[in-house]
Amino acid sequence: MSDKFEFIDAEYAAYQESGEPYVPSIVKMCVWMEVSRSGFYEWRNAPESATAKRRGELALYVKKSFGDSDDTYGYRRVHTDLVAWGVPAGPELVRSLMRELGLEACQQAIEMAARNCSLAEGAVFHSDRGSNYTSREFAGTLKMHNLRQSVGRTGTCYDNAMAESFFAALKNECVYRTQYPTREHARRDVVRYIEFWYN
């Protein structure tokens, strides 16, 4: 039963942040999941419950994974880490915990890029239609850095697959085979790989 409550809690929070004009109510979500509304609120508001204690323990693992990634992992990659560590938790629970903890990878990644290099004004940030990329908060982050937002069409994965293929090749054929003494050395090596080999 707690798995259903966790799912409802995570989905309701995601809907609220997505900017969607229609947000299903807790009541409707409880009906759809065939659980009682009172049971959901009792579960969510019980601070000393076994669920609350479990969430507290999971939060430590989530923080470790996120920190080890230099604050760049989204909930899917954090969930993958937890699976590798033998820590049972569904991806929706991980997403809910990261939201509670304020761990926002895609924004924290844009801010890091802006700190570390000069972003070209009007450059395009392209992504899939994940709720973390389509939120108003993320759009505001892009606007603050004068970046244009682009998302793939619904149900079309080809552009994202192409980008992922490129980054996989970059990592396997270049980055993972080299130890960079400085950030500038890494930048030059990546540019050399892209301009003179990959292209």
N, C-alpha and C. Protein backbone atom coordinates (compact mmCIF):
# COMPACT_ATOMS: atom_id res chain seq x y z
N MET A 1 0.83 -1.21 0.00
CA MET A 1 0.00 0.00 0.00
C MET A 1 0.87 1.26 0.00
N SER A 2 1.97 1.23 0.76
CA SER A 2 2.81 2.43 0.83
C SER A 2 3.41 2.77 -0.53
N ASP A 3 3.63 1.74 -1.37
CA ASP A 3 4.15 2.02 -2.72
C ASP A 3 3.17 2.87 -3.52
N LYS A 4 1.88 2.58 -3.37
CA LYS A 4 0.87 3.37 -4.07
C LYS A 4 0.83 4.80 -3.53
N PHE A 5 0.93 4.92 -2.21
CA PHE A 5 0.93 6.26 -1.61
C PHE A 5 2.15 7.06 -2.07
N GLU A 6 3.30 6.41 -2.15
CA GLU A 6 4.52 7.08 -2.61
C GLU A 6 4.35 7.55 -4.05
N PHE A 7 3.72 6.71 -4.88
CA PHE A 7 3.52 7.06 -6.28
C PHE A 7 2.60 8.28 -6.40
N ILE A 8 1.48 8.26 -5.65
CA ILE A 8 0.54 9.39 -5.69
C ILE A 8 1.23 10.67 -5.24
N ASP A 9 1.99 10.59 -4.16
CA ASP A 9 2.68 11.76 -3.62
C ASP A 9 3.64 12.35 -4.65
N ALA A 10 4.42 11.48 -5.29
CA ALA A 10 5.41 11.93 -6.27
C ALA A 10 4.74 12.51 -7.52
N GLU A 11 3.69 11.84 -8.00
CA GLU A 11 3.01 12.31 -9.21
C GLU A 11 2.30 13.63 -8.99
N TYR A 12 1.67 13.78 -7.82
CA TYR A 12 0.96 15.03 -7.54
C TYR A 12 1.94 16.20 -7.50
N ALA A 13 3.10 15.99 -6.86
CA ALA A 13 4.11 17.04 -6.81
C ALA A 13 4.64 17.36 -8.21
N ALA A 14 4.84 16.33 -9.03
CA ALA A 14 5.35 16.54 -10.38
C ALA A 14 4.35 17.32 -11.23
N TYR A 15 3.06 16.99 -11.10
CA TYR A 15 2.03 17.72 -11.83
C TYR A 15 2.03 19.19 -11.45
N GLN A 16 2.16 19.48 -10.15
CA GLN A 16 2.11 20.85 -9.68
C GLN A 16 3.26 21.68 -10.24
N GLU A 17 4.41 21.05 -10.42
CA GLU A 17 5.59 21.77 -10.92
C GLU A 17 5.64 21.83 -12.44
N SER A 18 4.81 21.04 -13.11
CA SER A 18 4.93 20.93 -14.57
C SER A 18 4.32 22.11 -15.32
N GLY A 19 3.48 22.89 -14.64
CA GLY A 19 2.82 23.98 -15.33
C GLY A 19 1.62 23.54 -16.15
N GLU A 20 1.23 22.27 -16.03
CA GLU A 20 0.05 21.77 -16.74
C GLU A 20 -1.20 22.51 -16.27
N PRO A 21 -2.11 22.84 -17.18
CA PRO A 21 -3.33 23.55 -16.77
C PRO A 21 -4.25 22.69 -15.92
N TYR A 22 -4.19 21.36 -16.12
CA TYR A 22 -5.05 20.46 -15.34
C TYR A 22 -4.18 19.62 -14.42
N VAL A 23 -4.42 19.74 -13.12
CA VAL A 23 -3.69 18.93 -12.13
C VAL A 23 -4.70 18.04 -11.43
N PRO A 24 -4.59 16.71 -11.60
CA PRO A 24 -5.54 15.81 -10.93
C PRO A 24 -5.46 15.99 -9.42
N SER A 25 -6.59 15.92 -8.75
CA SER A 25 -6.62 16.08 -7.30
C SER A 25 -6.14 14.81 -6.62
N ILE A 26 -5.76 14.95 -5.36
CA ILE A 26 -5.38 13.78 -4.56
C ILE A 26 -6.54 12.79 -4.52
N VAL A 27 -7.77 13.32 -4.39
CA VAL A 27 -8.96 12.46 -4.33
C VAL A 27 -9.06 11.58 -5.57
N LYS A 28 -8.90 12.20 -6.75
CA LYS A 28 -9.01 11.43 -8.00
C LYS A 28 -7.89 10.41 -8.11
N MET A 29 -6.69 10.82 -7.72
CA MET A 29 -5.56 9.89 -7.82
C MET A 29 -5.74 8.71 -6.89
N CYS A 30 -6.31 8.95 -5.72
CA CYS A 30 -6.59 7.85 -4.79
C CYS A 30 -7.63 6.91 -5.37
N VAL A 31 -8.65 7.46 -6.04
CA VAL A 31 -9.67 6.62 -6.69
C VAL A 31 -9.03 5.77 -7.78
N TRP A 32 -8.20 6.40 -8.61
CA TRP A 32 -7.54 5.68 -9.70
C TRP A 32 -6.64 4.56 -9.18
N MET A 33 -5.96 4.81 -8.06
CA MET A 33 -5.04 3.81 -7.49
C MET A 33 -5.74 2.85 -6.53
N GLU A 34 -7.06 3.06 -6.33
CA GLU A 34 -7.88 2.20 -5.47
C GLU A 34 -7.37 2.15 -4.05
N VAL A 35 -7.09 3.36 -3.51
CA VAL A 35 -6.71 3.49 -2.10
C VAL A 35 -7.59 4.58 -1.48
N SER A 36 -7.66 4.61 -0.17
CA SER A 36 -8.50 5.61 0.49
C SER A 36 -7.75 6.92 0.65
N ARG A 37 -8.49 8.01 0.53
CA ARG A 37 -7.89 9.34 0.71
C ARG A 37 -7.40 9.51 2.14
N SER A 38 -8.20 9.06 3.11
CA SER A 38 -7.79 9.20 4.51
C SER A 38 -6.52 8.40 4.80
N GLY A 39 -6.42 7.23 4.16
CA GLY A 39 -5.22 6.42 4.34
C GLY A 39 -3.98 7.11 3.79
N PHE A 40 -4.17 7.79 2.63
CA PHE A 40 -3.05 8.52 2.03
C PHE A 40 -2.57 9.63 2.96
N TYR A 41 -3.51 10.44 3.46
CA TYR A 41 -3.11 11.56 4.34
C TYR A 41 -2.53 11.06 5.65
N GLU A 42 -3.06 9.96 6.14
CA GLU A 42 -2.50 9.39 7.37
C GLU A 42 -1.06 8.94 7.14
N TRP A 43 -0.83 8.32 5.96
CA TRP A 43 0.53 7.89 5.61
C TRP A 43 1.46 9.09 5.47
N ARG A 44 1.00 10.13 4.77
CA ARG A 44 1.88 11.28 4.50
C ARG A 44 2.17 12.10 5.74
N ASN A 45 1.22 12.16 6.67
CA ASN A 45 1.37 13.03 7.84
C ASN A 45 1.91 12.34 9.08
N ALA A 46 2.30 11.07 8.95
CA ALA A 46 2.83 10.35 10.11
C ALA A 46 4.34 10.52 10.16
N PRO A 47 4.85 11.47 10.97
CA PRO A 47 6.28 11.77 10.95
C PRO A 47 7.17 10.65 11.48
N GLU A 48 6.66 9.87 12.39
CA GLU A 48 7.49 8.82 12.98
C GLU A 48 7.17 7.44 12.40
N SER A 49 6.48 7.41 11.30
CA SER A 49 6.11 6.12 10.71
C SER A 49 7.35 5.42 10.14
N ALA A 50 7.16 4.13 9.87
CA ALA A 50 8.26 3.37 9.26
C ALA A 50 8.60 3.96 7.89
N THR A 51 7.58 4.46 7.19
CA THR A 51 7.82 5.07 5.88
C THR A 51 8.68 6.31 6.01
N ALA A 52 8.37 7.15 7.01
CA ALA A 52 9.16 8.37 7.19
C ALA A 52 10.60 8.04 7.53
N LYS A 53 10.79 7.03 8.37
CA LYS A 53 12.16 6.62 8.73
C LYS A 53 12.90 6.09 7.50
N ARG A 54 12.18 5.31 6.69
CA ARG A 54 12.81 4.77 5.48
C ARG A 54 13.18 5.89 4.52
N ARG A 55 12.31 6.88 4.38
CA ARG A 55 12.62 8.00 3.51
C ARG A 55 13.85 8.75 4.00
N GLY A 56 13.98 8.87 5.33
CA GLY A 56 15.15 9.54 5.89
C GLY A 56 16.44 8.80 5.57
N GLU A 57 16.39 7.47 5.65
CA GLU A 57 17.58 6.67 5.32
C GLU A 57 17.89 6.75 3.82
N LEU A 58 16.83 6.66 3.01
CA LEU A 58 17.04 6.75 1.56
C LEU A 58 17.61 8.10 1.16
N ALA A 59 17.20 9.14 1.88
CA ALA A 59 17.69 10.49 1.56
C ALA A 59 19.20 10.56 1.65
N LEU A 60 19.78 9.83 2.59
CA LEU A 60 21.25 9.82 2.74
C LEU A 60 21.91 9.23 1.50
N TYR A 61 21.35 8.13 1.01
CA TYR A 61 21.89 7.51 -0.21
C TYR A 61 21.71 8.42 -1.43
N VAL A 62 20.55 9.06 -1.50
CA VAL A 62 20.28 9.96 -2.63
C VAL A 62 21.27 11.12 -2.62
N LYS A 63 21.52 11.69 -1.45
CA LYS A 63 22.48 12.80 -1.33
C LYS A 63 23.88 12.36 -1.74
N LYS A 64 24.25 11.14 -1.34
CA LYS A 64 25.59 10.65 -1.69
C LYS A 64 25.74 10.49 -3.20
N SER A 65 24.75 9.86 -3.84
CA SER A 65 24.81 9.68 -5.29
C SER A 65 24.86 11.02 -6.01
N PHE A 66 24.01 11.94 -5.58
CA PHE A 66 23.95 13.25 -6.22
C PHE A 66 25.26 14.01 -6.02
N GLY A 67 25.81 13.95 -4.80
CA GLY A 67 27.07 14.63 -4.52
C GLY A 67 28.24 14.02 -5.29
N ASP A 68 28.26 12.68 -5.37
CA ASP A 68 29.34 11.99 -6.11
C ASP A 68 29.32 12.34 -7.60
N SER A 69 28.15 12.73 -8.10
CA SER A 69 28.04 13.07 -9.51
C SER A 69 28.38 14.54 -9.78
N ASP A 70 28.88 15.22 -8.76
CA ASP A 70 29.15 16.66 -8.86
C ASP A 70 27.86 17.42 -9.15
N ASP A 71 26.79 16.95 -8.50
CA ASP A 71 25.48 17.61 -8.58
C ASP A 71 24.90 17.63 -9.98
N THR A 72 25.19 16.59 -10.78
CA THR A 72 24.69 16.58 -12.16
C THR A 72 23.66 15.47 -12.42
N TYR A 73 23.53 14.48 -11.53
CA TYR A 73 22.63 13.36 -11.79
C TYR A 73 21.17 13.76 -11.59
N GLY A 74 20.32 13.32 -12.51
CA GLY A 74 18.89 13.40 -12.33
C GLY A 74 18.40 12.17 -11.58
N TYR A 75 17.08 12.08 -11.37
CA TYR A 75 16.58 11.00 -10.52
C TYR A 75 16.80 9.61 -11.13
N ARG A 76 16.83 9.51 -12.47
CA ARG A 76 17.03 8.19 -13.08
C ARG A 76 18.42 7.65 -12.78
N ARG A 77 19.44 8.50 -12.90
CA ARG A 77 20.81 8.04 -12.63
C ARG A 77 21.03 7.80 -11.14
N VAL A 78 20.41 8.62 -10.31
CA VAL A 78 20.50 8.37 -8.86
C VAL A 78 19.85 7.03 -8.54
N HIS A 79 18.71 6.76 -9.15
CA HIS A 79 18.04 5.47 -8.94
C HIS A 79 18.94 4.32 -9.38
N THR A 80 19.64 4.48 -10.50
CA THR A 80 20.56 3.44 -10.97
C THR A 80 21.64 3.17 -9.93
N ASP A 81 22.17 4.24 -9.32
CA ASP A 81 23.16 4.07 -8.26
C ASP A 81 22.60 3.27 -7.09
N LEU A 82 21.38 3.62 -6.68
CA LEU A 82 20.76 2.92 -5.55
C LEU A 82 20.59 1.44 -5.85
N VAL A 83 20.18 1.13 -7.09
CA VAL A 83 20.04 -0.27 -7.49
C VAL A 83 21.39 -0.99 -7.39
N ALA A 84 22.45 -0.32 -7.87
CA ALA A 84 23.79 -0.90 -7.84
C ALA A 84 24.27 -1.13 -6.40
N TRP A 85 23.82 -0.26 -5.49
CA TRP A 85 24.20 -0.39 -4.08
C TRP A 85 23.30 -1.34 -3.30
N GLY A 86 22.31 -1.91 -3.97
CA GLY A 86 21.41 -2.83 -3.30
C GLY A 86 20.39 -2.14 -2.40
N VAL A 87 20.09 -0.89 -2.69
CA VAL A 87 19.14 -0.13 -1.88
C VAL A 87 17.79 -0.14 -2.59
N PRO A 88 16.76 -0.78 -2.02
CA PRO A 88 15.47 -0.86 -2.69
C PRO A 88 14.71 0.47 -2.65
N ALA A 89 14.39 0.98 -3.83
CA ALA A 89 13.59 2.22 -3.95
C ALA A 89 13.19 2.37 -5.41
N GLY A 90 11.95 2.74 -5.63
CA GLY A 90 11.47 2.96 -6.99
C GLY A 90 11.92 4.32 -7.51
N PRO A 91 11.94 4.49 -8.83
CA PRO A 91 12.37 5.78 -9.40
C PRO A 91 11.48 6.95 -8.99
N GLU A 92 10.17 6.71 -8.82
CA GLU A 92 9.28 7.80 -8.42
C GLU A 92 9.58 8.27 -7.00
N LEU A 93 9.94 7.33 -6.13
CA LEU A 93 10.31 7.70 -4.77
C LEU A 93 11.61 8.52 -4.77
N VAL A 94 12.56 8.12 -5.61
CA VAL A 94 13.82 8.86 -5.72
C VAL A 94 13.54 10.28 -6.22
N ARG A 95 12.66 10.40 -7.21
CA ARG A 95 12.32 11.72 -7.74
C ARG A 95 11.67 12.59 -6.66
N SER A 96 10.77 11.99 -5.88
CA SER A 96 10.10 12.72 -4.80
C SER A 96 11.11 13.19 -3.74
N LEU A 97 12.04 12.32 -3.38
CA LEU A 97 13.05 12.68 -2.38
C LEU A 97 13.96 13.79 -2.88
N MET A 98 14.37 13.70 -4.13
CA MET A 98 15.24 14.74 -4.68
C MET A 98 14.53 16.09 -4.70
N ARG A 99 13.22 16.05 -4.97
CA ARG A 99 12.44 17.30 -4.97
C ARG A 99 12.39 17.88 -3.55
N GLU A 100 12.15 17.00 -2.56
CA GLU A 100 12.10 17.44 -1.16
C GLU A 100 13.44 18.03 -0.72
N LEU A 101 14.52 17.42 -1.18
CA LEU A 101 15.86 17.84 -0.76
C LEU A 101 16.39 19.03 -1.58
N GLY A 102 15.64 19.41 -2.59
CA GLY A 102 16.08 20.53 -3.43
C GLY A 102 17.24 20.18 -4.35
N LEU A 103 17.36 18.90 -4.71
CA LEU A 103 18.45 18.46 -5.59
C LEU A 103 17.96 18.51 -7.03
N GLU A 104 18.33 19.54 -7.76
CA GLU A 104 17.86 19.77 -9.11
C GLU A 104 19.02 19.72 -10.08
N ALA A 105 19.14 18.59 -10.73
CA ALA A 105 20.32 18.37 -11.56
C ALA A 105 20.39 19.24 -12.79
N CYS A 106 19.32 19.31 -13.53
CA CYS A 106 19.42 19.99 -14.82
C CYS A 106 19.69 21.47 -14.67
N GLN A 107 19.07 22.15 -13.61
CA GLN A 107 19.35 23.57 -13.43
C GLN A 107 20.81 23.75 -13.04
N GLN A 108 21.22 22.87 -11.69
CA GLN A 108 22.56 22.88 -11.17
C GLN A 108 23.56 22.67 -12.29
N ALA A 109 23.32 21.81 -13.42
CA ALA A 109 24.20 21.58 -14.59
C ALA A 109 24.33 22.84 -15.43
N ILE A 110 23.20 23.57 -15.71
CA ILE A 110 23.25 24.81 -16.49
C ILE A 110 24.05 25.87 -15.74
N GLU A 111 23.80 25.99 -14.45
CA GLU A 111 24.53 26.98 -13.65
C GLU A 111 26.03 26.68 -13.66
N MET A 112 26.37 25.40 -13.59
CA MET A 112 27.78 25.01 -13.60
C MET A 112 28.43 25.37 -14.93
N ALA A 113 27.70 25.10 -16.02
CA ALA A 113 28.23 25.44 -17.34
C ALA A 113 28.43 26.95 -17.46
N ALA A 114 27.48 27.71 -16.92
CA ALA A 114 27.59 29.18 -17.00
C ALA A 114 28.77 29.69 -16.18
N ARG A 115 29.05 29.01 -15.07
CA ARG A 115 30.20 29.42 -14.24
C ARG A 115 31.53 29.08 -14.89
N ASN A 116 31.56 27.93 -15.58
CA ASN A 116 32.84 27.41 -16.07
C ASN A 116 33.23 27.88 -17.47
N CYS A 117 32.25 28.36 -18.23
CA CYS A 117 32.60 28.83 -19.57
C CYS A 117 31.60 29.89 -20.02
N SER A 118 31.94 30.55 -21.11
CA SER A 118 31.06 31.60 -21.63
C SER A 118 30.02 30.96 -22.55
N LEU A 119 28.74 31.02 -22.14
CA LEU A 119 27.68 30.45 -22.96
C LEU A 119 27.31 31.43 -24.07
N ALA A 120 27.24 30.95 -25.29
CA ALA A 120 26.89 31.81 -26.42
C ALA A 120 25.44 32.28 -26.27
N GLU A 121 25.23 33.57 -26.39
CA GLU A 121 23.87 34.12 -26.27
C GLU A 121 22.99 33.58 -27.38
N GLY A 122 21.82 33.11 -26.99
CA GLY A 122 20.89 32.55 -27.97
C GLY A 122 21.16 31.10 -28.33
N ALA A 123 22.13 30.47 -27.65
CA ALA A 123 22.40 29.05 -27.89
C ALA A 123 21.16 28.23 -27.55
N VAL A 124 21.03 27.06 -28.17
CA VAL A 124 19.84 26.23 -27.99
C VAL A 124 20.14 25.10 -27.01
N PHE A 125 19.24 24.94 -26.01
CA PHE A 125 19.30 23.79 -25.11
C PHE A 125 18.18 22.84 -25.53
N HIS A 126 18.55 21.67 -26.04
CA HIS A 126 17.56 20.71 -26.52
C HIS A 126 17.45 19.53 -25.56
N SER A 127 16.23 19.07 -25.32
CA SER A 127 16.01 17.94 -24.41
C SER A 127 14.76 17.19 -24.82
N ASP A 128 14.49 16.11 -24.09
CA ASP A 128 13.21 15.43 -24.26
C ASP A 128 12.16 16.19 -23.46
N ARG A 129 10.96 15.60 -23.34
CA ARG A 129 9.86 16.30 -22.68
C ARG A 129 9.69 15.89 -21.22
N GLY A 130 10.78 15.49 -20.56
CA GLY A 130 10.70 15.16 -19.15
C GLY A 130 10.22 16.35 -18.34
N SER A 131 9.50 16.09 -17.24
CA SER A 131 8.90 17.18 -16.46
C SER A 131 9.95 18.12 -15.88
N ASN A 132 11.17 17.58 -15.63
CA ASN A 132 12.22 18.46 -15.09
C ASN A 132 12.67 19.49 -16.12
N TYR A 133 12.56 19.15 -17.43
CA TYR A 133 12.97 20.08 -18.47
C TYR A 133 11.85 21.02 -18.90
N THR A 134 10.61 20.62 -18.68
CA THR A 134 9.49 21.44 -19.13
C THR A 134 8.89 22.28 -18.01
N SER A 135 9.52 22.27 -16.84
CA SER A 135 9.00 23.07 -15.73
C SER A 135 9.27 24.56 -15.96
N ARG A 136 8.45 25.38 -15.33
CA ARG A 136 8.64 26.84 -15.43
C ARG A 136 9.97 27.26 -14.82
N GLU A 137 10.36 26.55 -13.76
CA GLU A 137 11.62 26.90 -13.09
C GLU A 137 12.81 26.72 -14.02
N PHE A 138 12.82 25.59 -14.75
CA PHE A 138 13.93 25.34 -15.66
C PHE A 138 13.92 26.32 -16.82
N ALA A 139 12.72 26.63 -17.34
CA ALA A 139 12.62 27.62 -18.42
C ALA A 139 13.16 28.97 -17.95
N GLY A 140 12.88 29.31 -16.69
CA GLY A 140 13.40 30.56 -16.14
C GLY A 140 14.91 30.57 -16.05
N THR A 141 15.50 29.41 -15.71
CA THR A 141 16.96 29.31 -15.64
C THR A 141 17.58 29.54 -17.02
N LEU A 142 16.98 28.94 -18.05
CA LEU A 142 17.49 29.13 -19.41
C LEU A 142 17.37 30.59 -19.84
N LYS A 143 16.23 31.18 -19.53
CA LYS A 143 16.00 32.57 -19.91
C LYS A 143 17.00 33.50 -19.25
N MET A 144 17.33 33.21 -17.99
CA MET A 144 18.28 34.03 -17.26
C MET A 144 19.65 34.04 -17.93
N HIS A 145 19.99 32.93 -18.60
CA HIS A 145 21.29 32.83 -19.28
C HIS A 145 21.17 33.07 -20.78
N ASN A 146 20.02 33.61 -21.22
CA ASN A 146 19.80 33.93 -22.64
C ASN A 146 19.96 32.70 -23.54
N LEU A 147 19.43 31.57 -23.06
CA LEU A 147 19.46 30.34 -23.84
C LEU A 147 18.06 30.04 -24.36
N ARG A 148 17.98 29.50 -25.58
CA ARG A 148 16.69 29.13 -26.16
C ARG A 148 16.39 27.67 -25.84
N GLN A 149 15.13 27.38 -25.57
CA GLN A 149 14.74 26.03 -25.20
C GLN A 149 14.12 25.31 -26.38
N SER A 150 14.50 24.04 -26.54
CA SER A 150 13.97 23.21 -27.60
C SER A 150 13.68 21.83 -27.02
N VAL A 151 12.53 21.27 -27.37
CA VAL A 151 12.20 19.91 -26.92
C VAL A 151 11.79 19.07 -28.11
N GLY A 152 12.04 17.78 -28.01
CA GLY A 152 11.66 16.88 -29.08
C GLY A 152 10.15 16.72 -29.17
N ARG A 153 9.67 16.28 -30.33
CA ARG A 153 8.24 16.05 -30.49
C ARG A 153 7.80 14.87 -29.62
N THR A 154 6.55 14.89 -29.22
CA THR A 154 6.01 13.81 -28.39
C THR A 154 6.13 12.48 -29.12
N GLY A 155 6.70 11.49 -28.42
CA GLY A 155 6.83 10.16 -28.99
C GLY A 155 7.98 9.98 -29.95
N THR A 156 8.80 11.00 -30.15
CA THR A 156 9.95 10.91 -31.06
C THR A 156 11.23 10.89 -30.24
N CYS A 157 11.95 9.79 -30.35
CA CYS A 157 13.15 9.64 -29.54
C CYS A 157 14.43 9.78 -30.35
N TYR A 158 14.31 9.97 -31.67
CA TYR A 158 15.50 9.86 -32.53
C TYR A 158 16.54 10.94 -32.26
N ASP A 159 16.10 12.18 -32.02
CA ASP A 159 17.08 13.23 -31.79
C ASP A 159 17.81 13.00 -30.48
N ASN A 160 17.09 12.56 -29.46
CA ASN A 160 17.72 12.30 -28.17
C ASN A 160 18.68 11.12 -28.28
N ALA A 161 18.28 10.08 -29.01
CA ALA A 161 19.14 8.92 -29.18
C ALA A 161 20.43 9.30 -29.89
N MET A 162 20.32 10.20 -30.86
CA MET A 162 21.51 10.65 -31.59
C MET A 162 22.46 11.39 -30.65
N ALA A 163 21.91 12.26 -29.79
CA ALA A 163 22.75 12.99 -28.84
C ALA A 163 23.40 12.03 -27.86
N GLU A 164 22.62 11.06 -27.36
CA GLU A 164 23.18 10.10 -26.41
C GLU A 164 24.26 9.25 -27.06
N SER A 165 24.07 8.93 -28.34
CA SER A 165 25.09 8.17 -29.07
C SER A 165 26.39 8.96 -29.16
N PHE A 166 26.26 10.28 -29.45
CA PHE A 166 27.45 11.12 -29.53
C PHE A 166 28.19 11.16 -28.20
N PHE A 167 27.46 11.41 -27.10
CA PHE A 167 28.13 11.51 -25.81
C PHE A 167 28.75 10.18 -25.38
N ALA A 168 28.11 9.08 -25.73
CA ALA A 168 28.69 7.77 -25.43
C ALA A 168 30.01 7.59 -26.16
N ALA A 169 30.03 7.98 -27.45
CA ALA A 169 31.27 7.88 -28.23
C ALA A 169 32.35 8.79 -27.67
N LEU A 170 31.96 10.02 -27.32
CA LEU A 170 32.93 10.97 -26.75
C LEU A 170 33.56 10.42 -25.48
N LYS A 171 32.75 9.85 -24.61
CA LYS A 171 33.28 9.32 -23.35
C LYS A 171 34.18 8.11 -23.59
N ASN A 172 33.68 7.15 -24.40
CA ASN A 172 34.42 5.90 -24.59
C ASN A 172 35.67 6.06 -25.44
N GLU A 173 35.62 6.91 -26.46
CA GLU A 173 36.74 7.03 -27.39
C GLU A 173 37.73 8.11 -26.99
N CYS A 174 37.34 9.00 -26.08
CA CYS A 174 38.22 10.12 -25.75
C CYS A 174 38.40 10.30 -24.24
N VAL A 175 37.33 10.69 -23.56
CA VAL A 175 37.45 11.14 -22.18
C VAL A 175 37.92 10.04 -21.23
N TYR A 176 37.32 8.84 -21.32
CA TYR A 176 37.66 7.78 -20.38
C TYR A 176 39.06 7.22 -20.60
N ARG A 177 39.68 7.54 -21.73
CA ARG A 177 41.02 7.02 -22.03
C ARG A 177 42.12 8.01 -21.67
N THR A 178 41.75 9.15 -21.09
CA THR A 178 42.72 10.22 -20.83
C THR A 178 42.58 10.73 -19.41
N GLN A 179 43.72 11.06 -18.80
CA GLN A 179 43.70 11.75 -17.51
C GLN A 179 44.13 13.19 -17.77
N TYR A 180 43.23 14.12 -17.48
CA TYR A 180 43.48 15.51 -17.79
C TYR A 180 44.12 16.25 -16.62
N PRO A 181 45.29 16.84 -16.83
CA PRO A 181 45.94 17.57 -15.73
C PRO A 181 45.23 18.89 -15.40
N THR A 182 44.58 19.49 -16.41
CA THR A 182 43.90 20.77 -16.18
C THR A 182 42.58 20.78 -16.95
N ARG A 183 41.69 21.69 -16.58
CA ARG A 183 40.42 21.86 -17.29
C ARG A 183 40.66 22.31 -18.73
N GLU A 184 41.65 23.18 -18.93
CA GLU A 184 41.95 23.68 -20.27
C GLU A 184 42.45 22.55 -21.18
N HIS A 185 43.26 21.65 -20.61
CA HIS A 185 43.73 20.50 -21.39
C HIS A 185 42.54 19.63 -21.80
N ALA A 186 41.58 19.44 -20.90
CA ALA A 186 40.38 18.65 -21.22
C ALA A 186 39.56 19.33 -22.31
N ARG A 187 39.42 20.65 -22.21
CA ARG A 187 38.64 21.39 -23.19
C ARG A 187 39.26 21.25 -24.59
N ARG A 188 40.59 21.41 -24.67
CA ARG A 188 41.27 21.31 -25.97
C ARG A 188 41.14 19.90 -26.56
N ASP A 189 41.25 18.89 -25.69
CA ASP A 189 41.18 17.51 -26.16
C ASP A 189 39.78 17.17 -26.69
N VAL A 190 38.76 17.65 -26.00
CA VAL A 190 37.39 17.39 -26.44
C VAL A 190 37.12 18.12 -27.76
N VAL A 191 37.57 19.37 -27.87
CA VAL A 191 37.40 20.11 -29.13
C VAL A 191 38.12 19.40 -30.26
N ARG A 192 39.34 18.93 -30.01
CA ARG A 192 40.10 18.21 -31.03
C ARG A 192 39.34 16.96 -31.48
N TYR A 193 38.79 16.22 -30.51
CA TYR A 193 38.04 15.01 -30.85
C TYR A 193 36.82 15.33 -31.72
N ILE A 194 36.07 16.37 -31.33
CA ILE A 194 34.85 16.71 -32.06
C ILE A 194 35.17 17.24 -33.46
N GLU A 195 36.10 18.19 -33.53
CA GLU A 195 36.36 18.87 -34.81
C GLU A 195 37.15 18.03 -35.80
N PHE A 196 38.11 17.25 -35.30
CA PHE A 196 39.03 16.57 -36.22
C PHE A 196 38.80 15.06 -36.32
N TRP A 197 37.98 14.50 -35.45
CA TRP A 197 37.77 13.07 -35.52
C TRP A 197 36.29 12.73 -35.67
N TYR A 198 35.46 13.15 -34.73
CA TYR A 198 34.03 12.77 -34.76
C TYR A 198 33.32 13.33 -35.98
N ASN A 199 33.53 14.62 -36.25
CA ASN A 199 32.82 15.22 -37.39
C ASN A 199 33.25 14.63 -38.73
